[in-house]
Amino acid sequence: MPLREIQNTYACFRSRRFQNITSISMDVISKIKPIVKVAIPMAAQSDLETEETRKVSASEEQYFYRIFLNGSLDENPKNYRMASPLRHLDENDPPVFFVCGSIDGISTQGENFRNKMDVLGIDNDVFVIDGAPHVFLTNPDWKARALNYTAAKLDTYLKN
């Protein structure tokens, strides 16, 4: 996992294919929460209990959720509830800035997550790349826009 140093503070960048794993590792994340200054998920799921997730997890063609969460949302709601980042959000969390494509689902735009952050008084936003699908880092223009937004947020939050 590549690291970038910004004034003695490290920012961690993950490739998209590993992002969904982070939602499954919330117990680990909760242990390092005090040192995390900002989070910038890209095309990452923020709520695993949506109707969209229910449909995708039931699909035979899209088996990702069933492998990691031991079945569909209907078959194993407890695992989805425990893995859902929305369920672990509290007032001690850092600011979260979502990056996603406009042709992606509501969960990757973090709508429910951001609404809860507003209630908790935590800074948040979403940067939507117009015309981009879920997998947007393969396009150089979309990738550049995402990384420029990310760099600006990291500069703001990590230079303190």
C-alpha atoms as a PDB file:
ATOM      1  CA  MET A   1       0.000   0.000   0.000  1.00  0.00           C
ATOM      2  CA  PRO A   2       1.794   3.195  -1.127  1.00  0.00           C
ATOM      3  CA  LEU A   3       2.298   5.974   1.404  1.00  0.00           C
ATOM      4  CA  ARG A   4       2.718   9.692   0.849  1.00  0.00           C
ATOM      5  CA  GLU A   5       4.375  11.830   3.514  1.00  0.00           C
ATOM      6  CA  ILE A   6       2.862  15.257   4.119  1.00  0.00           C
ATOM      7  CA  GLN A   7       4.745  17.164   6.853  1.00  0.00           C
ATOM      8  CA  ASN A   8       5.492  14.043   8.908  1.00  0.00           C
ATOM      9  CA  THR A   9       1.928  12.770   8.548  1.00  0.00           C
ATOM     10  CA  TYR A  10       1.241   9.700   6.444  1.00  0.00           C
ATOM     11  CA  ALA A  11      -1.684   9.276   4.109  1.00  0.00           C
ATOM     12  CA  CYS A  12      -2.590   5.816   2.966  1.00  0.00           C
ATOM     13  CA  PHE A  13      -3.807   5.146  -0.583  1.00  0.00           C
ATOM     14  CA  ARG A  14      -5.542   1.899  -1.524  1.00  0.00           C
ATOM     15  CA  SER A  15      -6.497   0.607  -4.899  1.00  0.00           C
ATOM     16  CA  ARG A  16     -10.246   0.344  -5.505  1.00  0.00           C
ATOM     17  CA  ARG A  17     -10.305  -3.439  -5.475  1.00  0.00           C
ATOM     18  CA  PHE A  18      -9.341  -3.457  -1.791  1.00  0.00           C
ATOM     19  CA  GLN A  19     -11.734  -0.735  -0.596  1.00  0.00           C
ATOM     20  CA  ASN A  20     -14.643  -3.021   0.144  1.00  0.00           C
ATOM     21  CA  ILE A  21     -12.379  -5.050   2.414  1.00  0.00           C
ATOM     22  CA  THR A  22     -12.048  -1.996   4.661  1.00  0.00           C
ATOM     23  CA  SER A  23     -15.730  -2.051   5.496  1.00  0.00           C
ATOM     24  CA  ILE A  24     -15.321  -5.641   6.661  1.00  0.00           C
ATOM     25  CA  SER A  25     -12.403  -4.623   8.885  1.00  0.00           C
ATOM     26  CA  MET A  26     -14.269  -2.022  10.948  1.00  0.00           C
ATOM     27  CA  ASP A  27     -13.060  -3.551  14.220  1.00  0.00           C
ATOM     28  CA  VAL A  28      -9.487  -2.804  13.147  1.00  0.00           C
ATOM     29  CA  ILE A  29     -10.396   0.686  11.917  1.00  0.00           C
ATOM     30  CA  SER A  30     -12.085   1.533  15.229  1.00  0.00           C
ATOM     31  CA  LYS A  31      -8.807   0.849  17.047  1.00  0.00           C
ATOM     32  CA  ILE A  32      -6.898   3.408  14.954  1.00  0.00           C
ATOM     33  CA  LYS A  33      -9.693   5.985  14.768  1.00  0.00           C
ATOM     34  CA  PRO A  34      -7.983   8.479  17.112  1.00  0.00           C
ATOM     35  CA  ILE A  35      -5.032   8.910  14.721  1.00  0.00           C
ATOM     36  CA  VAL A  36      -7.028   9.162  11.470  1.00  0.00           C
ATOM     37  CA  LYS A  37      -7.387  12.838  10.520  1.00  0.00           C
ATOM     38  CA  VAL A  38      -9.384  12.487   7.290  1.00  0.00           C
ATOM     39  CA  ALA A  39     -10.840   9.720   5.119  1.00  0.00           C
ATOM     40  CA  ILE A  40     -11.361   9.935   1.359  1.00  0.00           C
ATOM     41  CA  PRO A  41     -13.110   6.794   0.082  1.00  0.00           C
ATOM     42  CA  MET A  42     -13.223   6.410  -3.700  1.00  0.00           C
ATOM     43  CA  ALA A  43     -16.123   4.443  -5.196  1.00  0.00           C
ATOM     44  CA  ALA A  44     -16.538   2.775  -1.816  1.00  0.00           C
ATOM     45  CA  GLN A  45     -19.731   1.492  -0.244  1.00  0.00           C
ATOM     46  CA  SER A  46     -20.869   3.444   2.806  1.00  0.00           C
ATOM     47  CA  ASP A  47     -24.094   1.617   3.669  1.00  0.00           C
ATOM     48  CA  LEU A  48     -24.464  -2.131   3.192  1.00  0.00           C
ATOM     49  CA  GLU A  49     -28.131  -2.253   4.182  1.00  0.00           C
ATOM     50  CA  THR A  50     -29.639  -0.462   1.177  1.00  0.00           C
ATOM     51  CA  GLU A  51     -32.088  -1.823  -1.364  1.00  0.00           C
ATOM     52  CA  GLU A  52     -29.306  -1.493  -3.938  1.00  0.00           C
ATOM     53  CA  THR A  53     -27.058  -3.783  -1.849  1.00  0.00           C
ATOM     54  CA  ARG A  54     -29.957  -6.194  -1.350  1.00  0.00           C
ATOM     55  CA  LYS A  55     -30.366  -6.542  -5.129  1.00  0.00           C
ATOM     56  CA  VAL A  56     -26.646  -6.808  -5.882  1.00  0.00           C
ATOM     57  CA  SER A  57     -25.997  -9.318  -3.097  1.00  0.00           C
ATOM     58  CA  ALA A  58     -28.829 -11.526  -4.386  1.00  0.00           C
ATOM     59  CA  SER A  59     -27.451 -11.521  -7.941  1.00  0.00           C
ATOM     60  CA  GLU A  60     -25.690 -14.705  -9.060  1.00  0.00           C
ATOM     61  CA  GLU A  61     -23.447 -12.699 -11.421  1.00  0.00           C
ATOM     62  CA  GLN A  62     -22.244 -10.300  -8.716  1.00  0.00           C
ATOM     63  CA  TYR A  63     -21.044 -12.621  -5.967  1.00  0.00           C
ATOM     64  CA  PHE A  64     -18.552 -10.323  -4.211  1.00  0.00           C
ATOM     65  CA  TYR A  65     -20.761  -9.578  -1.200  1.00  0.00           C
ATOM     66  CA  ARG A  66     -21.833 -13.193  -0.776  1.00  0.00           C
ATOM     67  CA  ILE A  67     -18.217 -14.365  -0.615  1.00  0.00           C
ATOM     68  CA  PHE A  68     -17.096 -11.889   2.051  1.00  0.00           C
ATOM     69  CA  LEU A  69     -20.329 -11.628   4.037  1.00  0.00           C
ATOM     70  CA  ASN A  70     -21.388 -15.276   3.874  1.00  0.00           C
ATOM     71  CA  GLY A  71     -24.518 -14.934   1.767  1.00  0.00           C
ATOM     72  CA  SER A  72     -26.848 -12.220   0.530  1.00  0.00           C
ATOM     73  CA  LEU A  73     -28.235  -9.369   2.628  1.00  0.00           C
ATOM     74  CA  ASP A  74     -31.499 -11.309   2.989  1.00  0.00           C
ATOM     75  CA  GLU A  75     -29.665 -14.491   4.009  1.00  0.00           C
ATOM     76  CA  ASN A  76     -27.289 -12.897   6.492  1.00  0.00           C
ATOM     77  CA  PRO A  77     -28.438  -9.420   7.555  1.00  0.00           C
ATOM     78  CA  LYS A  78     -26.338  -9.508  10.746  1.00  0.00           C
ATOM     79  CA  ASN A  79     -23.055  -9.684   8.808  1.00  0.00           C
ATOM     80  CA  TYR A  80     -24.112  -6.837   6.511  1.00  0.00           C
ATOM     81  CA  ARG A  81     -25.161  -4.730   9.492  1.00  0.00           C
ATOM     82  CA  MET A  82     -21.828  -5.350  11.236  1.00  0.00           C
ATOM     83  CA  ALA A  83     -19.805  -4.654   8.062  1.00  0.00           C
ATOM     84  CA  SER A  84     -21.722  -1.509   7.101  1.00  0.00           C
ATOM     85  CA  PRO A  85     -19.588   1.612   7.646  1.00  0.00           C
ATOM     86  CA  LEU A  86     -22.759   3.597   8.397  1.00  0.00           C
ATOM     87  CA  ARG A  87     -23.350   1.487  11.532  1.00  0.00           C
ATOM     88  CA  HIS A  88     -19.917   2.381  12.926  1.00  0.00           C
ATOM     89  CA  LEU A  89     -20.105   6.138  12.420  1.00  0.00           C
ATOM     90  CA  ASP A  90     -19.951   8.228  15.599  1.00  0.00           C
ATOM     91  CA  GLU A  91     -19.025  11.722  16.787  1.00  0.00           C
ATOM     92  CA  ASN A  92     -15.355  10.751  17.141  1.00  0.00           C
ATOM     93  CA  ASP A  93     -14.893  10.046  13.439  1.00  0.00           C
ATOM     94  CA  PRO A  94     -12.726  12.229  11.199  1.00  0.00           C
ATOM     95  CA  PRO A  95     -14.064  14.194   8.226  1.00  0.00           C
ATOM     96  CA  VAL A  96     -15.002  11.973   5.262  1.00  0.00           C
ATOM     97  CA  PHE A  97     -14.951  13.129   1.640  1.00  0.00           C
ATOM     98  CA  PHE A  98     -16.391  10.683  -0.892  1.00  0.00           C
ATOM     99  CA  VAL A  99     -15.188  10.517  -4.500  1.00  0.00           C
ATOM    100  CA  CYS A 100     -17.400   8.703  -7.006  1.00  0.00           C
ATOM    101  CA  GLY A 101     -18.718   8.696 -10.539  1.00  0.00           C
ATOM    102  CA  SER A 102     -22.093  10.164 -11.471  1.00  0.00           C
ATOM    103  CA  ILE A 103     -23.104   6.799 -12.960  1.00  0.00           C
ATOM    104  CA  ASP A 104     -22.730   4.984  -9.656  1.00  0.00           C
ATOM    105  CA  GLY A 105     -25.104   4.059  -6.869  1.00  0.00           C
ATOM    106  CA  ILE A 106     -26.288   6.235  -4.002  1.00  0.00           C
ATOM    107  CA  SER A 107     -24.292   4.218  -1.473  1.00  0.00           C
ATOM    108  CA  THR A 108     -20.968   5.135  -3.107  1.00  0.00           C
ATOM    109  CA  GLN A 109     -22.020   8.795  -2.966  1.00  0.00           C
ATOM    110  CA  GLY A 110     -22.404   8.327   0.775  1.00  0.00           C
ATOM    111  CA  GLU A 111     -25.793  10.051   0.979  1.00  0.00           C
ATOM    112  CA  ASN A 112     -27.036   8.321   4.154  1.00  0.00           C
ATOM    113  CA  PHE A 113     -23.539   8.407   5.630  1.00  0.00           C
ATOM    114  CA  ARG A 114     -23.123  12.129   4.945  1.00  0.00           C
ATOM    115  CA  ASN A 115     -26.583  12.886   6.358  1.00  0.00           C
ATOM    116  CA  LYS A 116     -25.609  11.165   9.611  1.00  0.00           C
ATOM    117  CA  MET A 117     -22.294  13.057   9.609  1.00  0.00           C
ATOM    118  CA  ASP A 118     -24.226  16.321   9.291  1.00  0.00           C
ATOM    119  CA  VAL A 119     -26.275  15.379  12.358  1.00  0.00           C
ATOM    120  CA  LEU A 120     -23.047  14.545  14.235  1.00  0.00           C
ATOM    121  CA  GLY A 121     -21.436  17.830  13.129  1.00  0.00           C
ATOM    122  CA  ILE A 122     -18.595  16.189  11.190  1.00  0.00           C
ATOM    123  CA  ASP A 123     -17.228  17.843   8.043  1.00  0.00           C
ATOM    124  CA  ASN A 124     -18.054  15.848   4.900  1.00  0.00           C
ATOM    125  CA  ASP A 125     -18.708  16.171   1.190  1.00  0.00           C
ATOM    126  CA  VAL A 126     -18.908  14.230  -2.046  1.00  0.00           C
ATOM    127  CA  PHE A 127     -16.979  14.921  -5.240  1.00  0.00           C
ATOM    128  CA  VAL A 128     -18.951  13.467  -8.143  1.00  0.00           C
ATOM    129  CA  ILE A 129     -17.086  12.998 -11.421  1.00  0.00           C
ATOM    130  CA  ASP A 130     -19.580  13.788 -14.174  1.00  0.00           C
ATOM    131  CA  GLY A 131     -20.119  10.921 -16.610  1.00  0.00           C
ATOM    132  CA  ALA A 132     -17.882   8.507 -14.704  1.00  0.00           C
ATOM    133  CA  PRO A 133     -18.962   4.969 -13.765  1.00  0.00           C
ATOM    134  CA  HIS A 134     -18.092   3.025 -10.601  1.00  0.00           C
ATOM    135  CA  VAL A 135     -14.634   2.160 -11.938  1.00  0.00           C
ATOM    136  CA  PHE A 136     -13.349   5.633 -12.818  1.00  0.00           C
ATOM    137  CA  LEU A 137      -9.628   5.407 -12.031  1.00  0.00           C
ATOM    138  CA  THR A 138      -8.987   3.652 -15.356  1.00  0.00           C
ATOM    139  CA  ASN A 139      -9.727   6.882 -17.252  1.00  0.00           C
ATOM    140  CA  PRO A 140      -6.788   9.355 -17.047  1.00  0.00           C
ATOM    141  CA  ASP A 141      -9.026  12.458 -16.939  1.00  0.00           C
ATOM    142  CA  TRP A 142     -11.345  11.084 -14.239  1.00  0.00           C
ATOM    143  CA  LYS A 143      -8.349   9.792 -12.275  1.00  0.00           C
ATOM    144  CA  ALA A 144      -6.649  13.204 -12.448  1.00  0.00           C
ATOM    145  CA  ARG A 145      -9.797  14.948 -11.185  1.00  0.00           C
ATOM    146  CA  ALA A 146     -10.148  12.460  -8.325  1.00  0.00           C
ATOM    147  CA  LEU A 147      -6.498  12.763  -7.309  1.00  0.00           C
ATOM    148  CA  ASN A 148      -6.495  16.575  -7.513  1.00  0.00           C
ATOM    149  CA  TYR A 149      -9.545  16.696  -5.229  1.00  0.00           C
ATOM    150  CA  THR A 150      -7.907  14.184  -2.885  1.00  0.00           C
ATOM    151  CA  ALA A 151      -4.613  16.104  -2.778  1.00  0.00           C
ATOM    152  CA  ALA A 152      -6.439  19.342  -1.941  1.00  0.00           C
ATOM    153  CA  LYS A 153      -8.318  17.683   0.936  1.00  0.00           C
ATOM    154  CA  LEU A 154      -5.152  16.015   2.239  1.00  0.00           C
ATOM    155  CA  ASP A 155      -3.292  19.326   2.120  1.00  0.00           C
ATOM    156  CA  THR A 156      -6.101  20.964   4.100  1.00  0.00           C
ATOM    157  CA  TYR A 157      -6.456  18.302   6.780  1.00  0.00           C
ATOM    158  CA  LEU A 158      -2.953  16.872   7.141  1.00  0.00           C
ATOM    159  CA  LYS A 159      -0.863  20.034   7.326  1.00  0.00           C
ATOM    160  CA  ASN A 160      -2.026  20.798  10.873  1.00  0.00           C
END
